[in-house]
mmCIF file of all heavy atoms, coordinates in Angstrom:
data_MODEL
# 
_entry.id   MODEL 
# 
loop_
_atom_site.group_PDB 
_atom_site.id 
_atom_site.type_symbol 
_atom_site.label_atom_id 
_atom_site.label_alt_id 
_atom_site.label_comp_id 
_atom_site.label_asym_id 
_atom_site.label_entity_id 
_atom_site.label_seq_id 
_atom_site.pdbx_PDB_ins_code 
_atom_site.Cartn_x 
_atom_site.Cartn_y 
_atom_site.Cartn_z 
_atom_site.occupancy 
_atom_site.B_iso_or_equiv 
_atom_site.pdbx_formal_charge 
_atom_site.auth_seq_id 
_atom_site.auth_comp_id 
_atom_site.auth_asym_id 
_atom_site.auth_atom_id 
_atom_site.pdbx_PDB_model_num 
ATOM 1   N N   . GLN A 1 1  ? -32.906 -35.013 226.199 1.00 0.00 ? 1  GLN A N   1 
ATOM 2   C CA  . GLN A 1 1  ? -32.648 -35.151 224.785 1.00 0.00 ? 1  GLN A CA  1 
ATOM 3   C C   . GLN A 1 1  ? -33.540 -36.207 224.169 1.00 0.00 ? 1  GLN A C   1 
ATOM 4   O O   . GLN A 1 1  ? -33.354 -36.761 223.054 1.00 0.00 ? 1  GLN A O   1 
ATOM 5   C CB  . GLN A 1 1  ? -31.198 -35.623 224.548 1.00 0.00 ? 1  GLN A CB  1 
ATOM 6   C CG  . GLN A 1 1  ? -30.236 -34.639 225.141 1.00 0.00 ? 1  GLN A CG  1 
ATOM 7   C CD  . GLN A 1 1  ? -28.731 -35.110 225.011 1.00 0.00 ? 1  GLN A CD  1 
ATOM 8   O OE1 . GLN A 1 1  ? -28.510 -36.086 224.244 1.00 0.00 ? 1  GLN A OE1 1 
ATOM 9   N NE2 . GLN A 1 1  ? -27.825 -34.470 225.754 1.00 0.00 ? 1  GLN A NE2 1 
ATOM 10  N N   . SER A 1 2  ? -34.670 -36.557 224.798 1.00 0.00 ? 2  SER A N   1 
ATOM 11  C CA  . SER A 1 2  ? -35.533 -37.647 224.431 1.00 0.00 ? 2  SER A CA  1 
ATOM 12  C C   . SER A 1 2  ? -36.329 -37.316 223.118 1.00 0.00 ? 2  SER A C   1 
ATOM 13  O O   . SER A 1 2  ? -36.500 -36.178 222.843 1.00 0.00 ? 2  SER A O   1 
ATOM 14  C CB  . SER A 1 2  ? -36.518 -38.038 225.556 1.00 0.00 ? 2  SER A CB  1 
ATOM 15  O OG  . SER A 1 2  ? -37.355 -36.967 225.756 1.00 0.00 ? 2  SER A OG  1 
ATOM 16  N N   . ALA A 1 3  ? -36.762 -38.461 222.455 1.00 0.00 ? 3  ALA A N   1 
ATOM 17  C CA  . ALA A 1 3  ? -37.627 -38.242 221.306 1.00 0.00 ? 3  ALA A CA  1 
ATOM 18  C C   . ALA A 1 3  ? -38.955 -37.585 221.704 1.00 0.00 ? 3  ALA A C   1 
ATOM 19  O O   . ALA A 1 3  ? -39.490 -36.874 220.903 1.00 0.00 ? 3  ALA A O   1 
ATOM 20  C CB  . ALA A 1 3  ? -37.876 -39.571 220.663 1.00 0.00 ? 3  ALA A CB  1 
ATOM 21  N N   . GLY A 1 4  ? -39.384 -37.828 222.925 1.00 0.00 ? 4  GLY A N   1 
ATOM 22  C CA  . GLY A 1 4  ? -40.635 -37.200 223.352 1.00 0.00 ? 4  GLY A CA  1 
ATOM 23  C C   . GLY A 1 4  ? -40.479 -35.745 223.468 1.00 0.00 ? 4  GLY A C   1 
ATOM 24  O O   . GLY A 1 4  ? -41.455 -35.032 223.033 1.00 0.00 ? 4  GLY A O   1 
ATOM 25  N N   . ARG A 1 5  ? -39.356 -35.242 223.797 1.00 0.00 ? 5  ARG A N   1 
ATOM 26  C CA  . ARG A 1 5  ? -39.198 -33.745 223.886 1.00 0.00 ? 5  ARG A CA  1 
ATOM 27  C C   . ARG A 1 5  ? -39.313 -33.140 222.503 1.00 0.00 ? 5  ARG A C   1 
ATOM 28  O O   . ARG A 1 5  ? -39.917 -32.122 222.240 1.00 0.00 ? 5  ARG A O   1 
ATOM 29  C CB  . ARG A 1 5  ? -37.871 -33.363 224.548 1.00 0.00 ? 5  ARG A CB  1 
ATOM 30  C CG  . ARG A 1 5  ? -37.721 -31.880 224.613 1.00 0.00 ? 5  ARG A CG  1 
ATOM 31  C CD  . ARG A 1 5  ? -36.414 -31.453 225.404 1.00 0.00 ? 5  ARG A CD  1 
ATOM 32  N NE  . ARG A 1 5  ? -36.429 -30.049 225.550 1.00 0.00 ? 5  ARG A NE  1 
ATOM 33  C CZ  . ARG A 1 5  ? -35.405 -29.420 226.146 1.00 0.00 ? 5  ARG A CZ  1 
ATOM 34  N NH1 . ARG A 1 5  ? -34.411 -30.074 226.685 1.00 0.00 ? 5  ARG A NH1 1 
ATOM 35  N NH2 . ARG A 1 5  ? -35.439 -28.080 226.333 1.00 0.00 ? 5  ARG A NH2 1 
ATOM 36  N N   . ILE A 1 6  ? -38.531 -33.840 221.490 1.00 0.00 ? 6  ILE A N   1 
ATOM 37  C CA  . ILE A 1 6  ? -38.666 -33.335 220.168 1.00 0.00 ? 6  ILE A CA  1 
ATOM 38  C C   . ILE A 1 6  ? -40.042 -33.327 219.551 1.00 0.00 ? 6  ILE A C   1 
ATOM 39  O O   . ILE A 1 6  ? -40.484 -32.401 218.971 1.00 0.00 ? 6  ILE A O   1 
ATOM 40  C CB  . ILE A 1 6  ? -37.739 -34.275 219.243 1.00 0.00 ? 6  ILE A CB  1 
ATOM 41  C CG1 . ILE A 1 6  ? -36.275 -34.136 219.718 1.00 0.00 ? 6  ILE A CG1 1 
ATOM 42  C CG2 . ILE A 1 6  ? -37.760 -33.783 217.807 1.00 0.00 ? 6  ILE A CG2 1 
ATOM 43  C CD1 . ILE A 1 6  ? -35.335 -35.137 219.078 1.00 0.00 ? 6  ILE A CD1 1 
ATOM 44  N N   . LEU A 1 7  ? -40.839 -34.449 219.886 1.00 0.00 ? 7  LEU A N   1 
ATOM 45  C CA  . LEU A 1 7  ? -42.172 -34.486 219.399 1.00 0.00 ? 7  LEU A CA  1 
ATOM 46  C C   . LEU A 1 7  ? -43.061 -33.310 219.974 1.00 0.00 ? 7  LEU A C   1 
ATOM 47  O O   . LEU A 1 7  ? -43.762 -32.710 219.236 1.00 0.00 ? 7  LEU A O   1 
ATOM 48  C CB  . LEU A 1 7  ? -42.787 -35.892 219.841 1.00 0.00 ? 7  LEU A CB  1 
ATOM 49  C CG  . LEU A 1 7  ? -44.287 -35.975 219.558 1.00 0.00 ? 7  LEU A CG  1 
ATOM 50  C CD1 . LEU A 1 7  ? -44.552 -35.961 217.991 1.00 0.00 ? 7  LEU A CD1 1 
ATOM 51  C CD2 . LEU A 1 7  ? -44.844 -37.325 220.038 1.00 0.00 ? 7  LEU A CD2 1 
ATOM 52  N N   . PHE A 1 8  ? -42.905 -33.200 221.248 1.00 0.00 ? 8  PHE A N   1 
ATOM 53  C CA  . PHE A 1 8  ? -43.800 -32.147 221.917 1.00 0.00 ? 8  PHE A CA  1 
ATOM 54  C C   . PHE A 1 8  ? -43.344 -30.717 221.530 1.00 0.00 ? 8  PHE A C   1 
ATOM 55  O O   . PHE A 1 8  ? -44.121 -29.796 221.458 1.00 0.00 ? 8  PHE A O   1 
ATOM 56  C CB  . PHE A 1 8  ? -43.808 -32.336 223.425 1.00 0.00 ? 8  PHE A CB  1 
ATOM 57  C CG  . PHE A 1 8  ? -44.800 -33.258 223.949 1.00 0.00 ? 8  PHE A CG  1 
ATOM 58  C CD1 . PHE A 1 8  ? -44.466 -34.592 224.164 1.00 0.00 ? 8  PHE A CD1 1 
ATOM 59  C CD2 . PHE A 1 8  ? -46.149 -32.867 224.258 1.00 0.00 ? 8  PHE A CD2 1 
ATOM 60  C CE1 . PHE A 1 8  ? -45.378 -35.486 224.617 1.00 0.00 ? 8  PHE A CE1 1 
ATOM 61  C CE2 . PHE A 1 8  ? -47.050 -33.790 224.722 1.00 0.00 ? 8  PHE A CE2 1 
ATOM 62  C CZ  . PHE A 1 8  ? -46.705 -35.147 224.876 1.00 0.00 ? 8  PHE A CZ  1 
ATOM 63  N N   . LEU A 1 9  ? -42.045 -30.600 221.379 1.00 0.00 ? 9  LEU A N   1 
ATOM 64  C CA  . LEU A 1 9  ? -41.511 -29.339 220.844 1.00 0.00 ? 9  LEU A CA  1 
ATOM 65  C C   . LEU A 1 9  ? -42.148 -28.933 219.562 1.00 0.00 ? 9  LEU A C   1 
ATOM 66  O O   . LEU A 1 9  ? -42.499 -27.814 219.289 1.00 0.00 ? 9  LEU A O   1 
ATOM 67  C CB  . LEU A 1 9  ? -40.062 -29.337 220.815 1.00 0.00 ? 9  LEU A CB  1 
ATOM 68  C CG  . LEU A 1 9  ? -39.284 -28.060 220.268 1.00 0.00 ? 9  LEU A CG  1 
ATOM 69  C CD1 . LEU A 1 9  ? -39.407 -26.915 221.354 1.00 0.00 ? 9  LEU A CD1 1 
ATOM 70  C CD2 . LEU A 1 9  ? -37.894 -28.303 219.970 1.00 0.00 ? 9  LEU A CD2 1 
ATOM 71  N N   . CYS A 1 10 ? -42.101 -29.931 218.618 1.00 0.00 ? 10 CYS A N   1 
ATOM 72  C CA  . CYS A 1 10 ? -42.658 -29.705 217.280 1.00 0.00 ? 10 CYS A CA  1 
ATOM 73  C C   . CYS A 1 10 ? -44.104 -29.391 217.289 1.00 0.00 ? 10 CYS A C   1 
ATOM 74  O O   . CYS A 1 10 ? -44.624 -28.486 216.593 1.00 0.00 ? 10 CYS A O   1 
ATOM 75  C CB  . CYS A 1 10 ? -42.328 -30.912 216.335 1.00 0.00 ? 10 CYS A CB  1 
ATOM 76  S SG  . CYS A 1 10 ? -40.544 -30.995 215.916 1.00 0.00 ? 10 CYS A SG  1 
ATOM 77  N N   . LEU A 1 11 ? -44.875 -30.167 218.093 1.00 0.00 ? 11 LEU A N   1 
ATOM 78  C CA  . LEU A 1 11 ? -46.304 -29.931 218.240 1.00 0.00 ? 11 LEU A CA  1 
ATOM 79  C C   . LEU A 1 11 ? -46.483 -28.533 218.817 1.00 0.00 ? 11 LEU A C   1 
ATOM 80  O O   . LEU A 1 11 ? -47.463 -27.830 218.377 1.00 0.00 ? 11 LEU A O   1 
ATOM 81  C CB  . LEU A 1 11 ? -46.934 -30.970 219.204 1.00 0.00 ? 11 LEU A CB  1 
ATOM 82  C CG  . LEU A 1 11 ? -47.031 -32.385 218.559 1.00 0.00 ? 11 LEU A CG  1 
ATOM 83  C CD1 . LEU A 1 11 ? -47.493 -33.364 219.738 1.00 0.00 ? 11 LEU A CD1 1 
ATOM 84  C CD2 . LEU A 1 11 ? -47.956 -32.499 217.345 1.00 0.00 ? 11 LEU A CD2 1 
ATOM 85  N N   . HIS A 1 12 ? -45.716 -28.183 219.802 1.00 0.00 ? 12 HIS A N   1 
ATOM 86  C CA  . HIS A 1 12 ? -45.839 -26.859 220.468 1.00 0.00 ? 12 HIS A CA  1 
ATOM 87  C C   . HIS A 1 12 ? -45.621 -25.687 219.477 1.00 0.00 ? 12 HIS A C   1 
ATOM 88  O O   . HIS A 1 12 ? -46.427 -24.777 219.394 1.00 0.00 ? 12 HIS A O   1 
ATOM 89  C CB  . HIS A 1 12 ? -44.999 -26.812 221.681 1.00 0.00 ? 12 HIS A CB  1 
ATOM 90  C CG  . HIS A 1 12 ? -45.197 -25.685 222.592 1.00 0.00 ? 12 HIS A CG  1 
ATOM 91  N ND1 . HIS A 1 12 ? -44.744 -24.378 222.347 1.00 0.00 ? 12 HIS A ND1 1 
ATOM 92  C CD2 . HIS A 1 12 ? -45.904 -25.626 223.770 1.00 0.00 ? 12 HIS A CD2 1 
ATOM 93  C CE1 . HIS A 1 12 ? -45.120 -23.615 223.428 1.00 0.00 ? 12 HIS A CE1 1 
ATOM 94  N NE2 . HIS A 1 12 ? -45.835 -24.308 224.234 1.00 0.00 ? 12 HIS A NE2 1 
ATOM 95  N N   . PHE A 1 13 ? -44.507 -25.817 218.701 1.00 0.00 ? 13 PHE A N   1 
ATOM 96  C CA  . PHE A 1 13 ? -44.205 -24.739 217.826 1.00 0.00 ? 13 PHE A CA  1 
ATOM 97  C C   . PHE A 1 13 ? -45.211 -24.690 216.656 1.00 0.00 ? 13 PHE A C   1 
ATOM 98  O O   . PHE A 1 13 ? -45.502 -23.562 216.093 1.00 0.00 ? 13 PHE A O   1 
ATOM 99  C CB  . PHE A 1 13 ? -42.815 -24.821 217.323 1.00 0.00 ? 13 PHE A CB  1 
ATOM 100 C CG  . PHE A 1 13 ? -42.347 -23.566 216.576 1.00 0.00 ? 13 PHE A CG  1 
ATOM 101 C CD1 . PHE A 1 13 ? -42.049 -22.436 217.283 1.00 0.00 ? 13 PHE A CD1 1 
ATOM 102 C CD2 . PHE A 1 13 ? -42.124 -23.607 215.246 1.00 0.00 ? 13 PHE A CD2 1 
ATOM 103 C CE1 . PHE A 1 13 ? -41.725 -21.240 216.633 1.00 0.00 ? 13 PHE A CE1 1 
ATOM 104 C CE2 . PHE A 1 13 ? -41.724 -22.469 214.532 1.00 0.00 ? 13 PHE A CE2 1 
ATOM 105 C CZ  . PHE A 1 13 ? -41.523 -21.279 215.285 1.00 0.00 ? 13 PHE A CZ  1 
ATOM 106 N N   . GLY A 1 14 ? -45.632 -25.865 216.170 1.00 0.00 ? 14 GLY A N   1 
ATOM 107 C CA  . GLY A 1 14 ? -46.659 -25.910 215.110 1.00 0.00 ? 14 GLY A CA  1 
ATOM 108 C C   . GLY A 1 14 ? -47.889 -25.198 215.541 1.00 0.00 ? 14 GLY A C   1 
ATOM 109 O O   . GLY A 1 14 ? -48.515 -24.511 214.792 1.00 0.00 ? 14 GLY A O   1 
ATOM 110 N N   . ASN A 1 15 ? -48.335 -25.490 216.759 1.00 0.00 ? 15 ASN A N   1 
ATOM 111 C CA  . ASN A 1 15 ? -49.519 -24.887 217.303 1.00 0.00 ? 15 ASN A CA  1 
ATOM 112 C C   . ASN A 1 15 ? -49.216 -23.281 217.394 1.00 0.00 ? 15 ASN A C   1 
ATOM 113 O O   . ASN A 1 15 ? -50.207 -22.585 217.153 1.00 0.00 ? 15 ASN A O   1 
ATOM 114 C CB  . ASN A 1 15 ? -49.841 -25.434 218.682 1.00 0.00 ? 15 ASN A CB  1 
ATOM 115 C CG  . ASN A 1 15 ? -51.145 -25.002 219.170 1.00 0.00 ? 15 ASN A CG  1 
ATOM 116 O OD1 . ASN A 1 15 ? -52.163 -25.622 218.959 1.00 0.00 ? 15 ASN A OD1 1 
ATOM 117 N ND2 . ASN A 1 15 ? -51.165 -23.950 220.041 1.00 0.00 ? 15 ASN A ND2 1 
ATOM 118 N N   . THR A 1 16 ? -48.087 -22.916 217.811 1.00 0.00 ? 16 THR A N   1 
ATOM 119 C CA  . THR A 1 16 ? -47.756 -21.523 217.854 1.00 0.00 ? 16 THR A CA  1 
ATOM 120 C C   . THR A 1 16 ? -47.968 -20.815 216.528 1.00 0.00 ? 16 THR A C   1 
ATOM 121 O O   . THR A 1 16 ? -48.498 -19.708 216.443 1.00 0.00 ? 16 THR A O   1 
ATOM 122 C CB  . THR A 1 16 ? -46.317 -21.323 218.358 1.00 0.00 ? 16 THR A CB  1 
ATOM 123 O OG1 . THR A 1 16 ? -46.223 -21.806 219.706 1.00 0.00 ? 16 THR A OG1 1 
ATOM 124 C CG2 . THR A 1 16 ? -45.943 -19.853 218.418 1.00 0.00 ? 16 THR A CG2 1 
ATOM 125 N N   . LEU A 1 17 ? -47.476 -21.438 215.472 1.00 0.00 ? 17 LEU A N   1 
ATOM 126 C CA  . LEU A 1 17 ? -47.579 -20.895 214.127 1.00 0.00 ? 17 LEU A CA  1 
ATOM 127 C C   . LEU A 1 17 ? -49.035 -20.688 213.744 1.00 0.00 ? 17 LEU A C   1 
ATOM 128 O O   . LEU A 1 17 ? -49.444 -19.624 213.107 1.00 0.00 ? 17 LEU A O   1 
ATOM 129 C CB  . LEU A 1 17 ? -46.855 -21.726 213.105 1.00 0.00 ? 17 LEU A CB  1 
ATOM 130 C CG  . LEU A 1 17 ? -45.275 -21.710 213.252 1.00 0.00 ? 17 LEU A CG  1 
ATOM 131 C CD1 . LEU A 1 17 ? -44.680 -22.673 212.170 1.00 0.00 ? 17 LEU A CD1 1 
ATOM 132 C CD2 . LEU A 1 17 ? -44.721 -20.303 213.047 1.00 0.00 ? 17 LEU A CD2 1 
ATOM 133 N N   . LEU A 1 18 ? -49.795 -21.670 214.014 1.00 0.00 ? 18 LEU A N   1 
ATOM 134 C CA  . LEU A 1 18 ? -51.311 -21.625 213.704 1.00 0.00 ? 18 LEU A CA  1 
ATOM 135 C C   . LEU A 1 18 ? -51.931 -20.514 214.505 1.00 0.00 ? 18 LEU A C   1 
ATOM 136 O O   . LEU A 1 18 ? -52.810 -19.797 214.073 1.00 0.00 ? 18 LEU A O   1 
ATOM 137 C CB  . LEU A 1 18 ? -51.973 -23.014 214.003 1.00 0.00 ? 18 LEU A CB  1 
ATOM 138 C CG  . LEU A 1 18 ? -51.527 -24.108 212.992 1.00 0.00 ? 18 LEU A CG  1 
ATOM 139 C CD1 . LEU A 1 18 ? -52.203 -25.432 213.531 1.00 0.00 ? 18 LEU A CD1 1 
ATOM 140 C CD2 . LEU A 1 18 ? -51.927 -23.827 211.514 1.00 0.00 ? 18 LEU A CD2 1 
ATOM 141 N N   . LEU A 1 19 ? -51.529 -20.420 215.812 1.00 0.00 ? 19 LEU A N   1 
ATOM 142 C CA  . LEU A 1 19 ? -52.088 -19.397 216.666 1.00 0.00 ? 19 LEU A CA  1 
ATOM 143 C C   . LEU A 1 19 ? -51.764 -17.969 216.014 1.00 0.00 ? 19 LEU A C   1 
ATOM 144 O O   . LEU A 1 19 ? -52.673 -17.098 215.996 1.00 0.00 ? 19 LEU A O   1 
ATOM 145 C CB  . LEU A 1 19 ? -51.513 -19.446 218.078 1.00 0.00 ? 19 LEU A CB  1 
ATOM 146 C CG  . LEU A 1 19 ? -51.799 -18.332 219.056 1.00 0.00 ? 19 LEU A CG  1 
ATOM 147 C CD1 . LEU A 1 19 ? -53.309 -18.226 219.284 1.00 0.00 ? 19 LEU A CD1 1 
ATOM 148 C CD2 . LEU A 1 19 ? -51.075 -18.546 220.367 1.00 0.00 ? 19 LEU A CD2 1 
ATOM 149 N N   . LEU A 1 20 ? -50.484 -17.740 215.736 1.00 0.00 ? 20 LEU A N   1 
ATOM 150 C CA  . LEU A 1 20 ? -50.168 -16.415 215.159 1.00 0.00 ? 20 LEU A CA  1 
ATOM 151 C C   . LEU A 1 20 ? -50.844 -16.225 213.837 1.00 0.00 ? 20 LEU A C   1 
ATOM 152 O O   . LEU A 1 20 ? -51.205 -15.079 213.511 1.00 0.00 ? 20 LEU A O   1 
ATOM 153 C CB  . LEU A 1 20 ? -48.663 -16.390 214.908 1.00 0.00 ? 20 LEU A CB  1 
ATOM 154 C CG  . LEU A 1 20 ? -47.754 -16.385 216.139 1.00 0.00 ? 20 LEU A CG  1 
ATOM 155 C CD1 . LEU A 1 20 ? -46.242 -16.354 215.757 1.00 0.00 ? 20 LEU A CD1 1 
ATOM 156 C CD2 . LEU A 1 20 ? -48.101 -15.345 217.151 1.00 0.00 ? 20 LEU A CD2 1 
ATOM 157 N N   . ALA A 1 21 ? -51.097 -17.245 213.069 1.00 0.00 ? 21 ALA A N   1 
ATOM 158 C CA  . ALA A 1 21 ? -51.872 -17.121 211.791 1.00 0.00 ? 21 ALA A CA  1 
ATOM 159 C C   . ALA A 1 21 ? -53.273 -16.632 212.029 1.00 0.00 ? 21 ALA A C   1 
ATOM 160 O O   . ALA A 1 21 ? -53.759 -15.707 211.369 1.00 0.00 ? 21 ALA A O   1 
ATOM 161 C CB  . ALA A 1 21 ? -51.821 -18.392 210.999 1.00 0.00 ? 21 ALA A CB  1 
ATOM 162 N N   . THR A 1 22 ? -53.967 -17.261 212.914 1.00 0.00 ? 22 THR A N   1 
ATOM 163 C CA  . THR A 1 22 ? -55.380 -16.916 213.267 1.00 0.00 ? 22 THR A CA  1 
ATOM 164 C C   . THR A 1 22 ? -55.444 -15.586 213.886 1.00 0.00 ? 22 THR A C   1 
ATOM 165 O O   . THR A 1 22 ? -56.458 -14.765 213.534 1.00 0.00 ? 22 THR A O   1 
ATOM 166 C CB  . THR A 1 22 ? -56.057 -17.958 214.191 1.00 0.00 ? 22 THR A CB  1 
ATOM 167 O OG1 . THR A 1 22 ? -55.182 -18.097 215.375 1.00 0.00 ? 22 THR A OG1 1 
ATOM 168 C CG2 . THR A 1 22 ? -56.158 -19.367 213.532 1.00 0.00 ? 22 THR A CG2 1 
ATOM 169 N N   . LEU A 1 23 ? -54.617 -15.181 214.705 1.00 0.00 ? 23 LEU A N   1 
ATOM 170 C CA  . LEU A 1 23 ? -54.584 -13.796 215.300 1.00 0.00 ? 23 LEU A CA  1 
ATOM 171 C C   . LEU A 1 23 ? -54.368 -12.740 214.226 1.00 0.00 ? 23 LEU A C   1 
ATOM 172 O O   . LEU A 1 23 ? -54.967 -11.667 214.287 1.00 0.00 ? 23 LEU A O   1 
ATOM 173 C CB  . LEU A 1 23 ? -53.557 -13.729 216.412 1.00 0.00 ? 23 LEU A CB  1 
ATOM 174 C CG  . LEU A 1 23 ? -53.836 -14.427 217.701 1.00 0.00 ? 23 LEU A CG  1 
ATOM 175 C CD1 . LEU A 1 23 ? -52.753 -14.346 218.697 1.00 0.00 ? 23 LEU A CD1 1 
ATOM 176 C CD2 . LEU A 1 23 ? -55.234 -13.873 218.403 1.00 0.00 ? 23 LEU A CD2 1 
ATOM 177 N N   . SER A 1 24 ? -53.409 -12.966 213.346 1.00 0.00 ? 24 SER A N   1 
ATOM 178 C CA  . SER A 1 24 ? -53.078 -12.047 212.199 1.00 0.00 ? 24 SER A CA  1 
ATOM 179 C C   . SER A 1 24 ? -54.202 -11.896 211.352 1.00 0.00 ? 24 SER A C   1 
ATOM 180 O O   . SER A 1 24 ? -54.555 -10.781 210.931 1.00 0.00 ? 24 SER A O   1 
ATOM 181 C CB  . SER A 1 24 ? -51.754 -12.441 211.576 1.00 0.00 ? 24 SER A CB  1 
ATOM 182 O OG  . SER A 1 24 ? -51.840 -13.698 211.005 1.00 0.00 ? 24 SER A OG  1 
ATOM 183 N N   . LEU A 1 25 ? -54.868 -12.971 210.917 1.00 0.00 ? 25 LEU A N   1 
ATOM 184 C CA  . LEU A 1 25 ? -56.040 -12.905 210.076 1.00 0.00 ? 25 LEU A CA  1 
ATOM 185 C C   . LEU A 1 25 ? -57.134 -12.160 210.752 1.00 0.00 ? 25 LEU A C   1 
ATOM 186 O O   . LEU A 1 25 ? -57.856 -11.321 210.187 1.00 0.00 ? 25 LEU A O   1 
ATOM 187 C CB  . LEU A 1 25 ? -56.492 -14.320 209.671 1.00 0.00 ? 25 LEU A CB  1 
ATOM 188 C CG  . LEU A 1 25 ? -55.500 -15.055 208.718 1.00 0.00 ? 25 LEU A CG  1 
ATOM 189 C CD1 . LEU A 1 25 ? -56.002 -16.481 208.511 1.00 0.00 ? 25 LEU A CD1 1 
ATOM 190 C CD2 . LEU A 1 25 ? -55.480 -14.388 207.377 1.00 0.00 ? 25 LEU A CD2 1 
ATOM 191 N N   . THR A 1 26 ? -57.385 -12.417 212.020 1.00 0.00 ? 26 THR A N   1 
ATOM 192 C CA  . THR A 1 26 ? -58.473 -11.728 212.777 1.00 0.00 ? 26 THR A CA  1 
ATOM 193 C C   . THR A 1 26 ? -58.199 -10.228 212.733 1.00 0.00 ? 26 THR A C   1 
ATOM 194 O O   . THR A 1 26 ? -59.140 -9.419  212.513 1.00 0.00 ? 26 THR A O   1 
ATOM 195 C CB  . THR A 1 26 ? -58.450 -12.240 214.236 1.00 0.00 ? 26 THR A CB  1 
ATOM 196 O OG1 . THR A 1 26 ? -58.776 -13.633 214.281 1.00 0.00 ? 26 THR A OG1 1 
ATOM 197 C CG2 . THR A 1 26 ? -59.505 -11.506 215.086 1.00 0.00 ? 26 THR A CG2 1 
ATOM 198 N N   . ALA A 1 27 ? -56.969 -9.823  213.102 1.00 0.00 ? 27 ALA A N   1 
ATOM 199 C CA  . ALA A 1 27 ? -56.651 -8.384  213.139 1.00 0.00 ? 27 ALA A CA  1 
ATOM 200 C C   . ALA A 1 27 ? -56.798 -7.807  211.789 1.00 0.00 ? 27 ALA A C   1 
ATOM 201 O O   . ALA A 1 27 ? -57.384 -6.704  211.652 1.00 0.00 ? 27 ALA A O   1 
ATOM 202 C CB  . ALA A 1 27 ? -55.243 -8.212  213.663 1.00 0.00 ? 27 ALA A CB  1 
ATOM 203 N N   . ASN A 1 28 ? -56.394 -8.470  210.750 1.00 0.00 ? 28 ASN A N   1 
ATOM 204 C CA  . ASN A 1 28 ? -56.535 -7.880  209.365 1.00 0.00 ? 28 ASN A CA  1 
ATOM 205 C C   . ASN A 1 28 ? -57.926 -7.831  208.907 1.00 0.00 ? 28 ASN A C   1 
ATOM 206 O O   . ASN A 1 28 ? -58.340 -6.726  208.404 1.00 0.00 ? 28 ASN A O   1 
ATOM 207 C CB  . ASN A 1 28 ? -55.734 -8.699  208.476 1.00 0.00 ? 28 ASN A CB  1 
ATOM 208 C CG  . ASN A 1 28 ? -55.599 -8.176  207.063 1.00 0.00 ? 28 ASN A CG  1 
ATOM 209 O OD1 . ASN A 1 28 ? -55.064 -7.115  206.826 1.00 0.00 ? 28 ASN A OD1 1 
ATOM 210 N ND2 . ASN A 1 28 ? -56.214 -8.887  206.037 1.00 0.00 ? 28 ASN A ND2 1 
# 
């Protein structure tokens, strides 16, 4: 339940959204 986990979780999911954005733009 550490603050470190929350930080890395947010960084991880933010990176995921950017990844999906670049892949969708590429495909389109």
